[in-house]
PDB file of N, CA and C in Angstrom:
ATOM      1  N   MET A   1      11.567  13.376  -7.087  1.00  0.00           N
ATOM      2  CA  MET A   1      10.155  13.363  -7.390  1.00  0.00           C
ATOM      3  C   MET A   1       9.470  12.429  -6.400  1.00  0.00           C
ATOM      4  N   VAL A   2       8.397  12.921  -5.831  1.00  0.00           N
ATOM      5  CA  VAL A   2       7.657  12.120  -4.854  1.00  0.00           C
ATOM      6  C   VAL A   2       6.803  11.100  -5.596  1.00  0.00           C
ATOM      7  N   HIS A   3       6.924   9.858  -5.188  1.00  0.00           N
ATOM      8  CA  HIS A   3       6.161   8.771  -5.793  1.00  0.00           C
ATOM      9  C   HIS A   3       4.907   8.469  -4.962  1.00  0.00           C
ATOM     10  N   ARG A   4       5.069   8.409  -3.647  1.00  0.00           N
ATOM     11  CA  ARG A   4       3.956   8.051  -2.767  1.00  0.00           C
ATOM     12  C   ARG A   4       4.161   8.739  -1.426  1.00  0.00           C
ATOM     13  N   GLY A   5       3.079   9.159  -0.787  1.00  0.00           N
ATOM     14  CA  GLY A   5       3.151   9.788   0.528  1.00  0.00           C
ATOM     15  C   GLY A   5       3.499  11.262   0.442  1.00  0.00           C
ATOM     16  N   HIS A   6       3.775  11.857   1.589  1.00  0.00           N
ATOM     17  CA  HIS A   6       4.143  13.269   1.665  1.00  0.00           C
ATOM     18  C   HIS A   6       5.512  13.393   2.328  1.00  0.00           C
ATOM     19  N   TRP A   7       6.291  14.346   1.853  1.00  0.00           N
ATOM     20  CA  TRP A   7       7.648  14.565   2.328  1.00  0.00           C
ATOM     21  C   TRP A   7       7.813  16.022   2.729  1.00  0.00           C
ATOM     22  N   ARG A   8       8.657  16.280   3.710  1.00  0.00           N
ATOM     23  CA  ARG A   8       8.989  17.646   4.112  1.00  0.00           C
ATOM     24  C   ARG A   8      10.414  17.932   3.665  1.00  0.00           C
ATOM     25  N   LEU A   9      10.566  18.987   2.887  1.00  0.00           N
ATOM     26  CA  LEU A   9      11.874  19.426   2.401  1.00  0.00           C
ATOM     27  C   LEU A   9      12.238  20.701   3.142  1.00  0.00           C
ATOM     28  N   ASP A  10      13.257  20.632   3.988  1.00  0.00           N
ATOM     29  CA  ASP A  10      13.732  21.794   4.739  1.00  0.00           C
ATOM     30  C   ASP A  10      15.001  22.309   4.101  1.00  0.00           C
ATOM     31  N   GLY A  11      14.955  23.558   3.614  1.00  0.00           N
ATOM     32  CA  GLY A  11      16.124  24.196   3.023  1.00  0.00           C
ATOM     33  C   GLY A  11      16.763  25.153   4.008  1.00  0.00           C
ATOM     34  N   GLU A  12      17.707  25.930   3.519  1.00  0.00           N
ATOM     35  CA  GLU A  12      18.423  26.867   4.381  1.00  0.00           C
ATOM     36  C   GLU A  12      17.508  27.980   4.891  1.00  0.00           C
ATOM     37  N   SER A  13      16.530  28.395   4.080  1.00  0.00           N
ATOM     38  CA  SER A  13      15.669  29.501   4.504  1.00  0.00           C
ATOM     39  C   SER A  13      14.177  29.209   4.347  1.00  0.00           C
ATOM     40  N   GLU A  14      13.809  28.060   3.774  1.00  0.00           N
ATOM     41  CA  GLU A  14      12.406  27.730   3.539  1.00  0.00           C
ATOM     42  C   GLU A  14      12.148  26.255   3.794  1.00  0.00           C
ATOM     43  N   ALA A  15      10.871  25.943   3.995  1.00  0.00           N
ATOM     44  CA  ALA A  15      10.448  24.546   4.120  1.00  0.00           C
ATOM     45  C   ALA A  15       9.232  24.351   3.223  1.00  0.00           C
ATOM     46  N   HIS A  16       9.130  23.167   2.618  1.00  0.00           N
ATOM     47  CA  HIS A  16       8.025  22.857   1.724  1.00  0.00           C
ATOM     48  C   HIS A  16       7.548  21.436   1.988  1.00  0.00           C
ATOM     49  N   VAL A  17       6.256  21.201   1.770  1.00  0.00           N
ATOM     50  CA  VAL A  17       5.699  19.854   1.829  1.00  0.00           C
ATOM     51  C   VAL A  17       5.501  19.400   0.392  1.00  0.00           C
ATOM     52  N   LEU A  18       6.046  18.232   0.057  1.00  0.00           N
ATOM     53  CA  LEU A  18       5.943  17.683  -1.283  1.00  0.00           C
ATOM     54  C   LEU A  18       4.947  16.525  -1.283  1.00  0.00           C
ATOM     55  N   ALA A  19       4.069  16.510  -2.273  1.00  0.00           N
ATOM     56  CA  ALA A  19       3.039  15.487  -2.413  1.00  0.00           C
ATOM     57  C   ALA A  19       3.343  14.640  -3.649  1.00  0.00           C
ATOM     58  N   PRO A  20       2.654  13.521  -3.843  1.00  0.00           N
ATOM     59  CA  PRO A  20       2.901  12.680  -5.019  1.00  0.00           C
ATOM     60  C   PRO A  20       2.845  13.486  -6.322  1.00  0.00           C
ATOM     61  N   GLY A  21       3.867  13.286  -7.156  1.00  0.00           N
ATOM     62  CA  GLY A  21       3.980  13.993  -8.424  1.00  0.00           C
ATOM     63  C   GLY A  21       4.768  15.286  -8.336  1.00  0.00           C
ATOM     64  N   ASP A  22       5.020  15.806  -7.125  1.00  0.00           N
ATOM     65  CA  ASP A  22       5.800  17.029  -6.977  1.00  0.00           C
ATOM     66  C   ASP A  22       7.273  16.764  -7.240  1.00  0.00           C
ATOM     67  N   VAL A  23       7.944  17.781  -7.769  1.00  0.00           N
ATOM     68  CA  VAL A  23       9.364  17.704  -8.080  1.00  0.00           C
ATOM     69  C   VAL A  23      10.057  18.903  -7.448  1.00  0.00           C
ATOM     70  N   ALA A  24      11.230  18.694  -6.876  1.00  0.00           N
ATOM     71  CA  ALA A  24      12.024  19.786  -6.315  1.00  0.00           C
ATOM     72  C   ALA A  24      13.389  19.771  -6.990  1.00  0.00           C
ATOM     73  N   ILE A  25      13.832  20.936  -7.417  1.00  0.00           N
ATOM     74  CA  ILE A  25      15.163  21.079  -8.017  1.00  0.00           C
ATOM     75  C   ILE A  25      15.972  21.974  -7.100  1.00  0.00           C
ATOM     76  N   LEU A  26      17.150  21.494  -6.697  1.00  0.00           N
ATOM     77  CA  LEU A  26      18.003  22.239  -5.793  1.00  0.00           C
ATOM     78  C   LEU A  26      19.307  22.610  -6.492  1.00  0.00           C
ATOM     79  N   LYS A  27      19.833  23.768  -6.166  1.00  0.00           N
ATOM     80  CA  LYS A  27      21.122  24.177  -6.708  1.00  0.00           C
ATOM     81  C   LYS A  27      22.217  23.293  -6.125  1.00  0.00           C
ATOM     82  N   ALA A  28      23.229  23.027  -6.920  1.00  0.00           N
ATOM     83  CA  ALA A  28      24.363  22.229  -6.450  1.00  0.00           C
ATOM     84  C   ALA A  28      24.976  22.898  -5.224  1.00  0.00           C
ATOM     85  N   GLY A  29      25.241  22.115  -4.205  1.00  0.00           N
ATOM     86  CA  GLY A  29      25.873  22.634  -2.998  1.00  0.00           C
ATOM     87  C   GLY A  29      24.909  23.182  -1.965  1.00  0.00           C
ATOM     88  N   SER A  30      23.620  23.259  -2.287  1.00  0.00           N
ATOM     89  CA  SER A  30      22.662  23.768  -1.303  1.00  0.00           C
ATOM     90  C   SER A  30      22.451  22.718  -0.218  1.00  0.00           C
ATOM     91  N   ARG A  31      22.191  23.192   0.985  1.00  0.00           N
ATOM     92  CA  ARG A  31      22.001  22.297   2.123  1.00  0.00           C
ATOM     93  C   ARG A  31      20.513  22.146   2.380  1.00  0.00           C
ATOM     94  N   CYS A  32      20.073  20.893   2.560  1.00  0.00           N
ATOM     95  CA  CYS A  32      18.665  20.642   2.839  1.00  0.00           C
ATOM     96  C   CYS A  32      18.525  19.278   3.501  1.00  0.00           C
ATOM     97  N   SER A  33      17.325  19.037   4.016  1.00  0.00           N
ATOM     98  CA  SER A  33      17.002  17.703   4.533  1.00  0.00           C
ATOM     99  C   SER A  33      15.648  17.312   3.976  1.00  0.00           C
ATOM    100  N   LEU A  34      15.453  16.019   3.788  1.00  0.00           N
ATOM    101  CA  LEU A  34      14.219  15.479   3.231  1.00  0.00           C
ATOM    102  C   LEU A  34      13.739  14.381   4.173  1.00  0.00           C
ATOM    103  N   GLN A  35      12.510  14.536   4.696  1.00  0.00           N
ATOM    104  CA  GLN A  35      11.984  13.579   5.657  1.00  0.00           C
ATOM    105  C   GLN A  35      10.585  13.154   5.249  1.00  0.00           C
ATOM    106  N   ALA A  36      10.333  11.851   5.311  1.00  0.00           N
ATOM    107  CA  ALA A  36       9.006  11.314   5.002  1.00  0.00           C
ATOM    108  C   ALA A  36       8.076  11.536   6.178  1.00  0.00           C
ATOM    109  N   ASN A  37       6.781  11.703   5.875  1.00  0.00           N
ATOM    110  CA  ASN A  37       5.769  11.783   6.910  1.00  0.00           C
ATOM    111  C   ASN A  37       5.709  10.417   7.586  1.00  0.00           C
ATOM    112  N   PRO A  38       6.003  10.341   8.876  1.00  0.00           N
ATOM    113  CA  PRO A  38       6.067   9.033   9.526  1.00  0.00           C
ATOM    114  C   PRO A  38       4.712   8.352   9.698  1.00  0.00           C
ATOM    115  N   ALA A  39       3.619   9.058   9.464  1.00  0.00           N
ATOM    116  CA  ALA A  39       2.294   8.469   9.668  1.00  0.00           C
ATOM    117  C   ALA A  39       1.821   7.651   8.468  1.00  0.00           C
ATOM    118  N   GLN A  40       2.591   7.622   7.384  1.00  0.00           N
ATOM    119  CA  GLN A  40       2.159   6.906   6.186  1.00  0.00           C
ATOM    120  C   GLN A  40       3.359   6.352   5.430  1.00  0.00           C
ATOM    121  N   ALA A  41       3.104   5.380   4.561  1.00  0.00           N
ATOM    122  CA  ALA A  41       4.166   4.847   3.707  1.00  0.00           C
ATOM    123  C   ALA A  41       4.547   5.915   2.690  1.00  0.00           C
ATOM    124  N   ALA A  42       5.817   6.030   2.379  1.00  0.00           N
ATOM    125  CA  ALA A  42       6.268   7.056   1.447  1.00  0.00           C
ATOM    126  C   ALA A  42       7.452   6.539   0.637  1.00  0.00           C
ATOM    127  N   SER A  43       7.545   6.994  -0.605  1.00  0.00           N
ATOM    128  CA  SER A  43       8.695   6.672  -1.440  1.00  0.00           C
ATOM    129  C   SER A  43       8.943   7.843  -2.382  1.00  0.00           C
ATOM    130  N   ALA A  44      10.201   8.018  -2.758  1.00  0.00           N
ATOM    131  CA  ALA A  44      10.575   9.128  -3.639  1.00  0.00           C
ATOM    132  C   ALA A  44      11.762   8.706  -4.482  1.00  0.00           C
ATOM    133  N   PHE A  45      11.908   9.346  -5.632  1.00  0.00           N
ATOM    134  CA  PHE A  45      13.063   9.150  -6.501  1.00  0.00           C
ATOM    135  C   PHE A  45      14.027  10.299  -6.264  1.00  0.00           C
ATOM    136  N   ARG A  46      15.300   9.983  -6.113  1.00  0.00           N
ATOM    137  CA  ARG A  46      16.308  11.019  -5.929  1.00  0.00           C
ATOM    138  C   ARG A  46      17.333  10.855  -7.043  1.00  0.00           C
ATOM    139  N   VAL A  47      17.562  11.920  -7.792  1.00  0.00           N
ATOM    140  CA  VAL A  47      18.495  11.888  -8.916  1.00  0.00           C
ATOM    141  C   VAL A  47      19.667  12.789  -8.572  1.00  0.00           C
ATOM    142  N   ARG A  48      20.861  12.274  -8.763  1.00  0.00           N
ATOM    143  CA  ARG A  48      22.076  13.045  -8.487  1.00  0.00           C
ATOM    144  C   ARG A  48      22.977  13.037  -9.711  1.00  0.00           C
ATOM    145  N   ALA A  49      23.649  14.135  -9.934  1.00  0.00           N
ATOM    146  CA  ALA A  49      24.590  14.240 -11.049  1.00  0.00           C
ATOM    147  C   ALA A  49      25.828  13.393 -10.753  1.00  0.00           C
ATOM    148  N   THR A  50      26.323  12.696 -11.777  1.00  0.00           N
ATOM    149  CA  THR A  50      27.559  11.922 -11.671  1.00  0.00           C
ATOM    150  C   THR A  50      28.370  12.137 -12.941  1.00  0.00           C
ATOM    151  N   ASP A  51      29.572  11.620 -12.957  1.00  0.00           N
ATOM    152  CA  ASP A  51      30.412  11.674 -14.156  1.00  0.00           C
ATOM    153  C   ASP A  51      30.295  10.383 -14.965  1.00  0.00           C
ATOM    154  N   ASP A  52      29.359   9.520 -14.595  1.00  0.00           N
ATOM    155  CA  ASP A  52      29.180   8.259 -15.305  1.00  0.00           C
ATOM    156  C   ASP A  52      28.629   8.508 -16.701  1.00  0.00           C
ATOM    157  N   PRO A  53      29.085   7.748 -17.697  1.00  0.00           N
ATOM    158  CA  PRO A  53      28.511   7.902 -19.032  1.00  0.00           C
ATOM    159  C   PRO A  53      27.086   7.348 -19.044  1.00  0.00           C
ATOM    160  N   PRO A  54      26.223   7.871 -19.917  1.00  0.00           N
ATOM    161  CA  PRO A  54      24.849   7.365 -19.971  1.00  0.00           C
ATOM    162  C   PRO A  54      24.818   5.932 -20.477  1.00  0.00           C
ATOM    163  N   GLY A  55      23.834   5.179 -20.042  1.00  0.00           N
ATOM    164  CA  GLY A  55      23.655   3.813 -20.499  1.00  0.00           C
ATOM    165  C   GLY A  55      22.898   3.782 -21.809  1.00  0.00           C
ATOM    166  N   PRO A  56      22.749   2.596 -22.388  1.00  0.00           N
ATOM    167  CA  PRO A  56      22.035   2.490 -23.667  1.00  0.00           C
ATOM    168  C   PRO A  56      20.544   2.781 -23.489  1.00  0.00           C
ATOM    169  N   THR A  57      19.949   3.323 -24.521  1.00  0.00           N
ATOM    170  CA  THR A  57      18.504   3.553 -24.530  1.00  0.00           C
ATOM    171  C   THR A  57      17.835   2.319 -25.097  1.00  0.00           C
ATOM    172  N   ARG A  58      16.821   1.846 -24.416  1.00  0.00           N
ATOM    173  CA  ARG A  58      16.113   0.643 -24.880  1.00  0.00           C
ATOM    174  C   ARG A  58      14.742   1.043 -25.359  1.00  0.00           C
ATOM    175  N   TRP A  59      14.441   0.694 -26.582  1.00  0.00           N
ATOM    176  CA  TRP A  59      13.138   0.957 -27.172  1.00  0.00           C
ATOM    177  C   TRP A  59      12.318  -0.318 -27.112  1.00  0.00           C
ATOM    178  N   PRO A  60      11.010  -0.196 -26.950  1.00  0.00           N
ATOM    179  CA  PRO A  60      10.163  -1.399 -26.939  1.00  0.00           C
ATOM    180  C   PRO A  60      10.292  -2.164 -28.252  1.00  0.00           C
ATOM    181  N   ASP A  61      10.289  -3.487 -28.155  1.00  0.00           N
ATOM    182  CA  ASP A  61      10.366  -4.345 -29.345  1.00  0.00           C
ATOM    183  C   ASP A  61       8.967  -4.420 -29.960  1.00  0.00           C
ATOM    184  N   PRO A  62       8.770  -3.891 -31.193  1.00  0.00           N
ATOM    185  CA  PRO A  62       7.438  -3.890 -31.779  1.00  0.00           C
ATOM    186  C   PRO A  62       6.923  -5.301 -32.077  1.00  0.00           C
ATOM    187  N   GLY A  63       7.802  -6.309 -32.086  1.00  0.00           N
ATOM    188  CA  GLY A  63       7.384  -7.677 -32.357  1.00  0.00           C
ATOM    189  C   GLY A  63       6.795  -8.374 -31.147  1.00  0.00           C
ATOM    190  N   ARG A  64       6.797  -7.745 -29.996  1.00  0.00           N
ATOM    191  CA  ARG A  64       6.281  -8.405 -28.777  1.00  0.00           C
ATOM    192  C   ARG A  64       4.853  -8.073 -28.531  1.00  0.00           C
TER     193      ARG A  64
END
């Protein structure tokens, strides 16, 4: 998910420009490249599947 700036996602047969708030879902094993627009600051979140167990869920403390 793009947090800030614009990113170019090049896949095997297509290319897309991602803007803040955009999300891209890729099939496992697909080949692609992700490059930030060099003319501006950019940041993105990248999530990958792992075999790690999930961590604890933390709920806000209503007493705070």
